[in-house]
Amino acid sequence: MAAATDASVRRDGDALVFAGALNRAAAAALWPQASTQLAGAQRFVLTNVTTVDSAGLALLAELAARLRAGGITPRFEGQPTGLTDLQAAYRLTPELDFPA
């Protein structure tokens, strides 16, 4: 689904596959679809994501937190522009969680 953005999310087996720029507009547009496809997911595929801003990080971190609440430690595939810097700035683990 892409509202005012070119971003999308789709389910592929045990993965949520994201594409496009995960920015503020995309986070708002993708949240309903991503959250309904989350059950049973174990991976986030970000290889086709072009950039991530703080809103995109918040989307991914919240989805990851919901998986962890269900006992699943999510895996992330791909390192789009902006993700590493934001993880460092917010002191998040590679699983987008706060260190214990």
PDB file of N, CA and C in Angstrom:
ATOM      1  N   MET A   1       0.842  -1.185   0.000  1.00  0.00           N
ATOM      2  CA  MET A   1       0.000   0.000   0.000  1.00  0.00           C
ATOM      3  C   MET A   1       0.880   1.239   0.000  1.00  0.00           C
ATOM      4  N   ALA A   2       0.600   2.165  -0.850  1.00  0.00           N
ATOM      5  CA  ALA A   2       1.364   3.406  -0.880  1.00  0.00           C
ATOM      6  C   ALA A   2       0.382   4.569  -0.931  1.00  0.00           C
ATOM      7  N   ALA A   3       0.380   5.360   0.091  1.00  0.00           N
ATOM      8  CA  ALA A   3      -0.513   6.514   0.136  1.00  0.00           C
ATOM      9  C   ALA A   3       0.165   7.666  -0.596  1.00  0.00           C
ATOM     10  N   ALA A   4       0.717   8.604   0.154  1.00  0.00           N
ATOM     11  CA  ALA A   4       1.394   9.740  -0.456  1.00  0.00           C
ATOM     12  C   ALA A   4       2.881   9.454  -0.628  1.00  0.00           C
ATOM     13  N   THR A   5       3.258   8.201  -0.593  1.00  0.00           N
ATOM     14  CA  THR A   5       4.665   7.831  -0.709  1.00  0.00           C
ATOM     15  C   THR A   5       4.806   6.690  -1.699  1.00  0.00           C
ATOM     16  N   ASP A   6       6.042   6.358  -2.003  1.00  0.00           N
ATOM     17  CA  ASP A   6       6.301   5.192  -2.842  1.00  0.00           C
ATOM     18  C   ASP A   6       6.646   3.983  -1.987  1.00  0.00           C
ATOM     19  N   ALA A   7       6.502   4.096  -0.681  1.00  0.00           N
ATOM     20  CA  ALA A   7       6.858   3.010   0.227  1.00  0.00           C
ATOM     21  C   ALA A   7       5.775   1.937   0.208  1.00  0.00           C
ATOM     22  N   SER A   8       6.220   0.704   0.500  1.00  0.00           N
ATOM     23  CA  SER A   8       5.275  -0.405   0.548  1.00  0.00           C
ATOM     24  C   SER A   8       5.760  -1.448   1.544  1.00  0.00           C
ATOM     25  N   VAL A   9       4.838  -2.301   1.940  1.00  0.00           N
ATOM     26  CA  VAL A   9       5.152  -3.458   2.770  1.00  0.00           C
ATOM     27  C   VAL A   9       4.282  -4.611   2.288  1.00  0.00           C
ATOM     28  N   ARG A  10       4.871  -5.795   2.264  1.00  0.00           N
ATOM     29  CA  ARG A  10       4.121  -6.992   1.892  1.00  0.00           C
ATOM     30  C   ARG A  10       4.637  -8.155   2.717  1.00  0.00           C
ATOM     31  N   ARG A  11       3.824  -9.153   2.877  1.00  0.00           N
ATOM     32  CA  ARG A  11       4.210 -10.347   3.615  1.00  0.00           C
ATOM     33  C   ARG A  11       4.747 -11.360   2.621  1.00  0.00           C
ATOM     34  N   ASP A  12       5.883 -11.983   2.946  1.00  0.00           N
ATOM     35  CA  ASP A  12       6.468 -13.042   2.129  1.00  0.00           C
ATOM     36  C   ASP A  12       6.963 -14.118   3.081  1.00  0.00           C
ATOM     37  N   GLY A  13       6.173 -15.151   3.281  1.00  0.00           N
ATOM     38  CA  GLY A  13       6.534 -16.203   4.233  1.00  0.00           C
ATOM     39  C   GLY A  13       6.600 -15.650   5.641  1.00  0.00           C
ATOM     40  N   ASP A  14       7.774 -15.785   6.277  1.00  0.00           N
ATOM     41  CA  ASP A  14       7.934 -15.284   7.653  1.00  0.00           C
ATOM     42  C   ASP A  14       8.498 -13.870   7.691  1.00  0.00           C
ATOM     43  N   ALA A  15       8.442 -13.162   6.565  1.00  0.00           N
ATOM     44  CA  ALA A  15       9.055 -11.826   6.481  1.00  0.00           C
ATOM     45  C   ALA A  15       8.041 -10.750   6.128  1.00  0.00           C
ATOM     46  N   LEU A  16       8.272  -9.580   6.699  1.00  0.00           N
ATOM     47  CA  LEU A  16       7.646  -8.354   6.212  1.00  0.00           C
ATOM     48  C   LEU A  16       8.693  -7.700   5.321  1.00  0.00           C
ATOM     49  N   VAL A  17       8.357  -7.502   4.070  1.00  0.00           N
ATOM     50  CA  VAL A  17       9.287  -6.961   3.081  1.00  0.00           C
ATOM     51  C   VAL A  17       8.894  -5.513   2.794  1.00  0.00           C
ATOM     52  N   PHE A  18       9.797  -4.606   3.135  1.00  0.00           N
ATOM     53  CA  PHE A  18       9.568  -3.179   2.950  1.00  0.00           C
ATOM     54  C   PHE A  18      10.308  -2.690   1.712  1.00  0.00           C
ATOM     55  N   ALA A  19       9.771  -1.641   1.098  1.00  0.00           N
ATOM     56  CA  ALA A  19      10.434  -1.028  -0.053  1.00  0.00           C
ATOM     57  C   ALA A  19      10.149   0.469  -0.037  1.00  0.00           C
ATOM     58  N   GLY A  20      11.036   1.229  -0.656  1.00  0.00           N
ATOM     59  CA  GLY A  20      10.874   2.673  -0.752  1.00  0.00           C
ATOM     60  C   GLY A  20      11.488   3.389   0.429  1.00  0.00           C
ATOM     61  N   ALA A  21      11.127   4.644   0.594  1.00  0.00           N
ATOM     62  CA  ALA A  21      11.648   5.475   1.675  1.00  0.00           C
ATOM     63  C   ALA A  21      10.742   5.358   2.896  1.00  0.00           C
ATOM     64  N   LEU A  22      11.316   4.904   4.006  1.00  0.00           N
ATOM     65  CA  LEU A  22      10.543   4.809   5.256  1.00  0.00           C
ATOM     66  C   LEU A  22      10.696   6.126   6.002  1.00  0.00           C
ATOM     67  N   ASN A  23       9.819   7.052   5.663  1.00  0.00           N
ATOM     68  CA  ASN A  23       9.844   8.385   6.269  1.00  0.00           C
ATOM     69  C   ASN A  23       8.519   8.609   7.000  1.00  0.00           C
ATOM     70  N   ARG A  24       8.307   9.847   7.424  1.00  0.00           N
ATOM     71  CA  ARG A  24       7.116  10.172   8.220  1.00  0.00           C
ATOM     72  C   ARG A  24       5.818   9.801   7.493  1.00  0.00           C
ATOM     73  N   ALA A  25       5.697  10.191   6.241  1.00  0.00           N
ATOM     74  CA  ALA A  25       4.486   9.880   5.483  1.00  0.00           C
ATOM     75  C   ALA A  25       4.310   8.376   5.314  1.00  0.00           C
ATOM     76  N   ALA A  26       5.409   7.686   5.043  1.00  0.00           N
ATOM     77  CA  ALA A  26       5.342   6.240   4.854  1.00  0.00           C
ATOM     78  C   ALA A  26       4.968   5.526   6.145  1.00  0.00           C
ATOM     79  N   ALA A  27       5.537   5.965   7.268  1.00  0.00           N
ATOM     80  CA  ALA A  27       5.245   5.312   8.550  1.00  0.00           C
ATOM     81  C   ALA A  27       3.756   5.370   8.846  1.00  0.00           C
ATOM     82  N   ALA A  28       3.149   6.518   8.645  1.00  0.00           N
ATOM     83  CA  ALA A  28       1.716   6.663   8.894  1.00  0.00           C
ATOM     84  C   ALA A  28       0.894   5.811   7.923  1.00  0.00           C
ATOM     85  N   ALA A  29       1.310   5.770   6.676  1.00  0.00           N
ATOM     86  CA  ALA A  29       0.570   5.019   5.666  1.00  0.00           C
ATOM     87  C   ALA A  29       0.731   3.507   5.833  1.00  0.00           C
ATOM     88  N   LEU A  30       1.927   3.064   6.247  1.00  0.00           N
ATOM     89  CA  LEU A  30       2.209   1.631   6.313  1.00  0.00           C
ATOM     90  C   LEU A  30       1.804   0.970   7.631  1.00  0.00           C
ATOM     91  N   TRP A  31       1.651   1.766   8.686  1.00  0.00           N
ATOM     92  CA  TRP A  31       1.356   1.178   9.997  1.00  0.00           C
ATOM     93  C   TRP A  31       0.159   0.218   9.983  1.00  0.00           C
ATOM     94  N   PRO A  32      -1.005   0.611   9.461  1.00  0.00           N
ATOM     95  CA  PRO A  32      -2.149  -0.306   9.516  1.00  0.00           C
ATOM     96  C   PRO A  32      -1.878  -1.631   8.803  1.00  0.00           C
ATOM     97  N   GLN A  33      -1.286  -1.567   7.642  1.00  0.00           N
ATOM     98  CA  GLN A  33      -1.020  -2.774   6.869  1.00  0.00           C
ATOM     99  C   GLN A  33       0.055  -3.635   7.536  1.00  0.00           C
ATOM    100  N   ALA A  34       1.141  -3.022   7.963  1.00  0.00           N
ATOM    101  CA  ALA A  34       2.233  -3.782   8.581  1.00  0.00           C
ATOM    102  C   ALA A  34       1.781  -4.443   9.875  1.00  0.00           C
ATOM    103  N   SER A  35       1.016  -3.738  10.683  1.00  0.00           N
ATOM    104  CA  SER A  35       0.599  -4.304  11.966  1.00  0.00           C
ATOM    105  C   SER A  35      -0.363  -5.471  11.782  1.00  0.00           C
ATOM    106  N   THR A  36      -1.187  -5.451  10.747  1.00  0.00           N
ATOM    107  CA  THR A  36      -2.097  -6.579  10.519  1.00  0.00           C
ATOM    108  C   THR A  36      -1.380  -7.783   9.907  1.00  0.00           C
ATOM    109  N   GLN A  37      -0.219  -7.572   9.307  1.00  0.00           N
ATOM    110  CA  GLN A  37       0.540  -8.676   8.705  1.00  0.00           C
ATOM    111  C   GLN A  37       1.623  -9.218   9.632  1.00  0.00           C
ATOM    112  N   LEU A  38       1.701  -8.704  10.840  1.00  0.00           N
ATOM    113  CA  LEU A  38       2.812  -9.007  11.732  1.00  0.00           C
ATOM    114  C   LEU A  38       2.773 -10.414  12.329  1.00  0.00           C
ATOM    115  N   ALA A  39       1.601 -10.941  12.617  1.00  0.00           N
ATOM    116  CA  ALA A  39       1.488 -12.238  13.283  1.00  0.00           C
ATOM    117  C   ALA A  39       2.265 -13.313  12.521  1.00  0.00           C
ATOM    118  N   GLY A  40       3.191 -13.963  13.209  1.00  0.00           N
ATOM    119  CA  GLY A  40       3.988 -15.022  12.610  1.00  0.00           C
ATOM    120  C   GLY A  40       5.240 -14.564  11.891  1.00  0.00           C
ATOM    121  N   ALA A  41       5.413 -13.271  11.763  1.00  0.00           N
ATOM    122  CA  ALA A  41       6.625 -12.758  11.100  1.00  0.00           C
ATOM    123  C   ALA A  41       7.827 -12.961  12.011  1.00  0.00           C
ATOM    124  N   GLN A  42       8.987 -13.157  11.405  1.00  0.00           N
ATOM    125  CA  GLN A  42      10.238 -13.306  12.141  1.00  0.00           C
ATOM    126  C   GLN A  42      11.344 -12.430  11.581  1.00  0.00           C
ATOM    127  N   ARG A  43      11.129 -11.906  10.367  1.00  0.00           N
ATOM    128  CA  ARG A  43      12.160 -11.119   9.705  1.00  0.00           C
ATOM    129  C   ARG A  43      11.573  -9.846   9.122  1.00  0.00           C
ATOM    130  N   PHE A  44      12.422  -8.815   9.056  1.00  0.00           N
ATOM    131  CA  PHE A  44      12.111  -7.594   8.342  1.00  0.00           C
ATOM    132  C   PHE A  44      13.139  -7.484   7.229  1.00  0.00           C
ATOM    133  N   VAL A  45      12.681  -7.486   6.001  1.00  0.00           N
ATOM    134  CA  VAL A  45      13.577  -7.376   4.857  1.00  0.00           C
ATOM    135  C   VAL A  45      13.567  -5.918   4.401  1.00  0.00           C
ATOM    136  N   LEU A  46      14.740  -5.296   4.499  1.00  0.00           N
ATOM    137  CA  LEU A  46      14.888  -3.871   4.195  1.00  0.00           C
ATOM    138  C   LEU A  46      15.791  -3.635   2.984  1.00  0.00           C
ATOM    139  N   THR A  47      16.081  -4.667   2.225  1.00  0.00           N
ATOM    140  CA  THR A  47      17.028  -4.549   1.114  1.00  0.00           C
ATOM    141  C   THR A  47      16.542  -3.613   0.017  1.00  0.00           C
ATOM    142  N   ASN A  48      15.232  -3.386  -0.092  1.00  0.00           N
ATOM    143  CA  ASN A  48      14.701  -2.474  -1.109  1.00  0.00           C
ATOM    144  C   ASN A  48      14.246  -1.147  -0.510  1.00  0.00           C
ATOM    145  N   VAL A  49      14.653  -0.880   0.723  1.00  0.00           N
ATOM    146  CA  VAL A  49      14.359   0.400   1.358  1.00  0.00           C
ATOM    147  C   VAL A  49      15.473   1.370   0.993  1.00  0.00           C
ATOM    148  N   THR A  50      15.106   2.540   0.530  1.00  0.00           N
ATOM    149  CA  THR A  50      16.107   3.506   0.081  1.00  0.00           C
ATOM    150  C   THR A  50      16.658   4.336   1.229  1.00  0.00           C
ATOM    151  N   THR A  51      15.805   4.790   2.137  1.00  0.00           N
ATOM    152  CA  THR A  51      16.230   5.579   3.287  1.00  0.00           C
ATOM    153  C   THR A  51      15.278   5.336   4.454  1.00  0.00           C
ATOM    154  N   VAL A  52      15.797   5.619   5.662  1.00  0.00           N
ATOM    155  CA  VAL A  52      14.988   5.527   6.877  1.00  0.00           C
ATOM    156  C   VAL A  52      15.202   6.813   7.663  1.00  0.00           C
ATOM    157  N   ASP A  53      14.110   7.469   8.075  1.00  0.00           N
ATOM    158  CA  ASP A  53      14.237   8.603   8.981  1.00  0.00           C
ATOM    159  C   ASP A  53      13.727   8.179  10.357  1.00  0.00           C
ATOM    160  N   SER A  54      13.634   9.121  11.295  1.00  0.00           N
ATOM    161  CA  SER A  54      13.256   8.755  12.662  1.00  0.00           C
ATOM    162  C   SER A  54      11.850   8.169  12.740  1.00  0.00           C
ATOM    163  N   ALA A  55      10.938   8.609  11.907  1.00  0.00           N
ATOM    164  CA  ALA A  55       9.587   8.035  11.908  1.00  0.00           C
ATOM    165  C   ALA A  55       9.609   6.609  11.367  1.00  0.00           C
ATOM    166  N   GLY A  56      10.412   6.376  10.337  1.00  0.00           N
ATOM    167  CA  GLY A  56      10.562   5.020   9.812  1.00  0.00           C
ATOM    168  C   GLY A  56      11.193   4.103  10.842  1.00  0.00           C
ATOM    169  N   LEU A  57      12.187   4.615  11.559  1.00  0.00           N
ATOM    170  CA  LEU A  57      12.801   3.838  12.637  1.00  0.00           C
ATOM    171  C   LEU A  57      11.771   3.512  13.710  1.00  0.00           C
ATOM    172  N   ALA A  58      10.938   4.485  14.070  1.00  0.00           N
ATOM    173  CA  ALA A  58       9.906   4.252  15.078  1.00  0.00           C
ATOM    174  C   ALA A  58       8.936   3.157  14.625  1.00  0.00           C
ATOM    175  N   LEU A  59       8.561   3.164  13.361  1.00  0.00           N
ATOM    176  CA  LEU A  59       7.694   2.121  12.812  1.00  0.00           C
ATOM    177  C   LEU A  59       8.337   0.757  12.975  1.00  0.00           C
ATOM    178  N   LEU A  60       9.588   0.629  12.525  1.00  0.00           N
ATOM    179  CA  LEU A  60      10.282  -0.654  12.611  1.00  0.00           C
ATOM    180  C   LEU A  60      10.489  -1.091  14.058  1.00  0.00           C
ATOM    181  N   ALA A  61      10.858  -0.147  14.923  1.00  0.00           N
ATOM    182  CA  ALA A  61      11.111  -0.481  16.328  1.00  0.00           C
ATOM    183  C   ALA A  61       9.834  -0.942  17.021  1.00  0.00           C
ATOM    184  N   GLU A  62       8.713  -0.309  16.738  1.00  0.00           N
ATOM    185  CA  GLU A  62       7.447  -0.721  17.358  1.00  0.00           C
ATOM    186  C   GLU A  62       7.011  -2.094  16.859  1.00  0.00           C
ATOM    187  N   LEU A  63       7.159  -2.346  15.574  1.00  0.00           N
ATOM    188  CA  LEU A  63       6.823  -3.672  15.043  1.00  0.00           C
ATOM    189  C   LEU A  63       7.728  -4.737  15.669  1.00  0.00           C
ATOM    190  N   ALA A  64       9.021  -4.418  15.790  1.00  0.00           N
ATOM    191  CA  ALA A  64       9.962  -5.357  16.409  1.00  0.00           C
ATOM    192  C   ALA A  64       9.603  -5.605  17.868  1.00  0.00           C
ATOM    193  N   ALA A  65       9.206  -4.563  18.592  1.00  0.00           N
ATOM    194  CA  ALA A  65       8.816  -4.704  20.001  1.00  0.00           C
ATOM    195  C   ALA A  65       7.604  -5.616  20.138  1.00  0.00           C
ATOM    196  N   ARG A  66       6.680  -5.508  19.221  1.00  0.00           N
ATOM    197  CA  ARG A  66       5.500  -6.384  19.262  1.00  0.00           C
ATOM    198  C   ARG A  66       5.882  -7.839  19.035  1.00  0.00           C
ATOM    199  N   LEU A  67       6.838  -8.078  18.155  1.00  0.00           N
ATOM    200  CA  LEU A  67       7.312  -9.454  17.969  1.00  0.00           C
ATOM    201  C   LEU A  67       8.002  -9.963  19.227  1.00  0.00           C
ATOM    202  N   ARG A  68       8.868  -9.119  19.813  1.00  0.00           N
ATOM    203  CA  ARG A  68       9.560  -9.542  21.041  1.00  0.00           C
ATOM    204  C   ARG A  68       8.571  -9.838  22.156  1.00  0.00           C
ATOM    205  N   ALA A  69       7.485  -9.070  22.238  1.00  0.00           N
ATOM    206  CA  ALA A  69       6.459  -9.311  23.251  1.00  0.00           C
ATOM    207  C   ALA A  69       5.824 -10.692  23.064  1.00  0.00           C
ATOM    208  N   GLY A  70       5.847 -11.177  21.843  1.00  0.00           N
ATOM    209  CA  GLY A  70       5.336 -12.511  21.545  1.00  0.00           C
ATOM    210  C   GLY A  70       6.399 -13.595  21.596  1.00  0.00           C
ATOM    211  N   GLY A  71       7.594 -13.247  22.070  1.00  0.00           N
ATOM    212  CA  GLY A  71       8.659 -14.230  22.219  1.00  0.00           C
ATOM    213  C   GLY A  71       9.541 -14.426  21.000  1.00  0.00           C
ATOM    214  N   ILE A  72       9.420 -13.575  20.014  1.00  0.00           N
ATOM    215  CA  ILE A  72      10.222 -13.694  18.788  1.00  0.00           C
ATOM    216  C   ILE A  72      11.239 -12.562  18.748  1.00  0.00           C
ATOM    217  N   THR A  73      12.502 -12.910  18.534  1.00  0.00           N
ATOM    218  CA  THR A  73      13.533 -11.899  18.317  1.00  0.00           C
ATOM    219  C   THR A  73      13.649 -11.696  16.809  1.00  0.00           C
ATOM    220  N   PRO A  74      13.216 -10.550  16.318  1.00  0.00           N
ATOM    221  CA  PRO A  74      13.210 -10.344  14.866  1.00  0.00           C
ATOM    222  C   PRO A  74      14.614 -10.211  14.292  1.00  0.00           C
ATOM    223  N   ARG A  75      14.748 -10.638  13.051  1.00  0.00           N
ATOM    224  CA  ARG A  75      15.993 -10.462  12.303  1.00  0.00           C
ATOM    225  C   ARG A  75      15.751  -9.398  11.246  1.00  0.00           C
ATOM    226  N   PHE A  76      16.780  -8.618  10.991  1.00  0.00           N
ATOM    227  CA  PHE A  76      16.704  -7.569   9.978  1.00  0.00           C
ATOM    228  C   PHE A  76      17.676  -7.893   8.869  1.00  0.00           C
ATOM    229  N   GLU A  77      17.208  -7.757   7.646  1.00  0.00           N
ATOM    230  CA  GLU A  77      18.053  -7.991   6.477  1.00  0.00           C
ATOM    231  C   GLU A  77      18.113  -6.699   5.680  1.00  0.00           C
ATOM    232  N   GLY A  78      19.325  -6.194   5.484  1.00  0.00           N
ATOM    233  CA  GLY A  78      19.523  -4.954   4.747  1.00  0.00           C
ATOM    234  C   GLY A  78      19.838  -3.801   5.684  1.00  0.00           C
ATOM    235  N   GLN A  79      20.608  -2.853   5.192  1.00  0.00           N
ATOM    236  CA  GLN A  79      21.001  -1.659   5.957  1.00  0.00           C
ATOM    237  C   GLN A  79      20.767  -0.423   5.102  1.00  0.00           C
ATOM    238  N   PRO A  80      19.512   0.045   5.011  1.00  0.00           N
ATOM    239  CA  PRO A  80      19.251   1.237   4.197  1.00  0.00           C
ATOM    240  C   PRO A  80      19.908   2.482   4.776  1.00  0.00           C
ATOM    241  N   THR A  81      20.093   3.468   3.936  1.00  0.00           N
ATOM    242  CA  THR A  81      20.677   4.740   4.343  1.00  0.00           C
ATOM    243  C   THR A  81      19.903   5.326   5.511  1.00  0.00           C
ATOM    244  N   GLY A  82      20.638   5.723   6.541  1.00  0.00           N
ATOM    245  CA  GLY A  82      20.039   6.346   7.710  1.00  0.00           C
ATOM    246  C   GLY A  82      19.816   5.411   8.876  1.00  0.00           C
ATOM    247  N   LEU A  83      19.657   4.121   8.627  1.00  0.00           N
ATOM    248  CA  LEU A  83      19.321   3.191   9.709  1.00  0.00           C
ATOM    249  C   LEU A  83      20.448   3.056  10.724  1.00  0.00           C
ATOM    250  N   THR A  84      21.657   2.860  10.283  1.00  0.00           N
ATOM    251  CA  THR A  84      22.783   2.684  11.201  1.00  0.00           C
ATOM    252  C   THR A  84      22.995   3.923  12.057  1.00  0.00           C
ATOM    253  N   ASP A  85      22.939   5.092  11.449  1.00  0.00           N
ATOM    254  CA  ASP A  85      23.119   6.335  12.204  1.00  0.00           C
ATOM    255  C   ASP A  85      22.024   6.523  13.247  1.00  0.00           C
ATOM    256  N   LEU A  86      20.779   6.220  12.881  1.00  0.00           N
ATOM    257  CA  LEU A  86      19.682   6.365  13.840  1.00  0.00           C
ATOM    258  C   LEU A  86      19.783   5.337  14.965  1.00  0.00           C
ATOM    259  N   GLN A  87      20.175   4.107  14.632  1.00  0.00           N
ATOM    260  CA  GLN A  87      20.372   3.099  15.681  1.00  0.00           C
ATOM    261  C   GLN A  87      21.402   3.594  16.688  1.00  0.00           C
ATOM    262  N   ALA A  88      22.479   4.156  16.199  1.00  0.00           N
ATOM    263  CA  ALA A  88      23.527   4.670  17.089  1.00  0.00           C
ATOM    264  C   ALA A  88      23.013   5.860  17.895  1.00  0.00           C
ATOM    265  N   ALA A  89      22.315   6.780  17.255  1.00  0.00           N
ATOM    266  CA  ALA A  89      21.822   7.971  17.941  1.00  0.00           C
ATOM    267  C   ALA A  89      20.856   7.625  19.070  1.00  0.00           C
ATOM    268  N   TYR A  90      20.026   6.620  18.853  1.00  0.00           N
ATOM    269  CA  TYR A  90      19.051   6.214  19.872  1.00  0.00           C
ATOM    270  C   TYR A  90      19.548   5.068  20.744  1.00  0.00           C
ATOM    271  N   ARG A  91      20.799   4.666  20.510  1.00  0.00           N
ATOM    272  CA  ARG A  91      21.434   3.583  21.274  1.00  0.00           C
ATOM    273  C   ARG A  91      20.619   2.291  21.237  1.00  0.00           C
ATOM    274  N   LEU A  92      20.199   1.912  20.030  1.00  0.00           N
ATOM    275  CA  LEU A  92      19.414   0.702  19.846  1.00  0.00           C
ATOM    276  C   LEU A  92      20.312  -0.452  19.421  1.00  0.00           C
ATOM    277  N   THR A  93      19.924  -1.657  19.805  1.00  0.00           N
ATOM    278  CA  THR A  93      20.624  -2.865  19.380  1.00  0.00           C
ATOM    279  C   THR A  93      20.322  -3.122  17.902  1.00  0.00           C
ATOM    280  N   PRO A  94      21.003  -4.081  17.281  1.00  0.00           N
ATOM    281  CA  PRO A  94      20.682  -4.429  15.890  1.00  0.00           C
ATOM    282  C   PRO A  94      19.232  -4.912  15.708  1.00  0.00           C
ATOM    283  N   GLU A  95      18.590  -5.362  16.798  1.00  0.00           N
ATOM    284  CA  GLU A  95      17.194  -5.800  16.756  1.00  0.00           C
ATOM    285  C   GLU A  95      16.231  -4.653  17.043  1.00  0.00           C
ATOM    286  N   LEU A  96      16.762  -3.430  17.087  1.00  0.00           N
ATOM    287  CA  LEU A  96      16.003  -2.206  17.362  1.00  0.00           C
ATOM    288  C   LEU A  96      15.354  -2.227  18.747  1.00  0.00           C
ATOM    289  N   ASP A  97      16.107  -2.693  19.699  1.00  0.00           N
ATOM    290  CA  ASP A  97      15.670  -2.712  21.101  1.00  0.00           C
ATOM    291  C   ASP A  97      16.669  -1.885  21.898  1.00  0.00           C
ATOM    292  N   PHE A  98      16.236  -1.454  23.072  1.00  0.00           N
ATOM    293  CA  PHE A  98      17.154  -0.755  23.967  1.00  0.00           C
ATOM    294  C   PHE A  98      17.972  -1.798  24.709  1.00  0.00           C
ATOM    295  N   PRO A  99      19.275  -1.573  24.890  1.00  0.00           N
ATOM    296  CA  PRO A  99      20.111  -2.548  25.611  1.00  0.00           C
ATOM    297  C   PRO A  99      19.602  -2.724  27.044  1.00  0.00           C
ATOM    298  N   ALA A 100      19.796  -3.919  27.545  1.00  0.00           N
ATOM    299  CA  ALA A 100      19.365  -4.222  28.931  1.00  0.00           C
ATOM    300  C   ALA A 100      20.237  -3.533  29.946  1.00  0.00           C
TER     301      ALA A 100
END
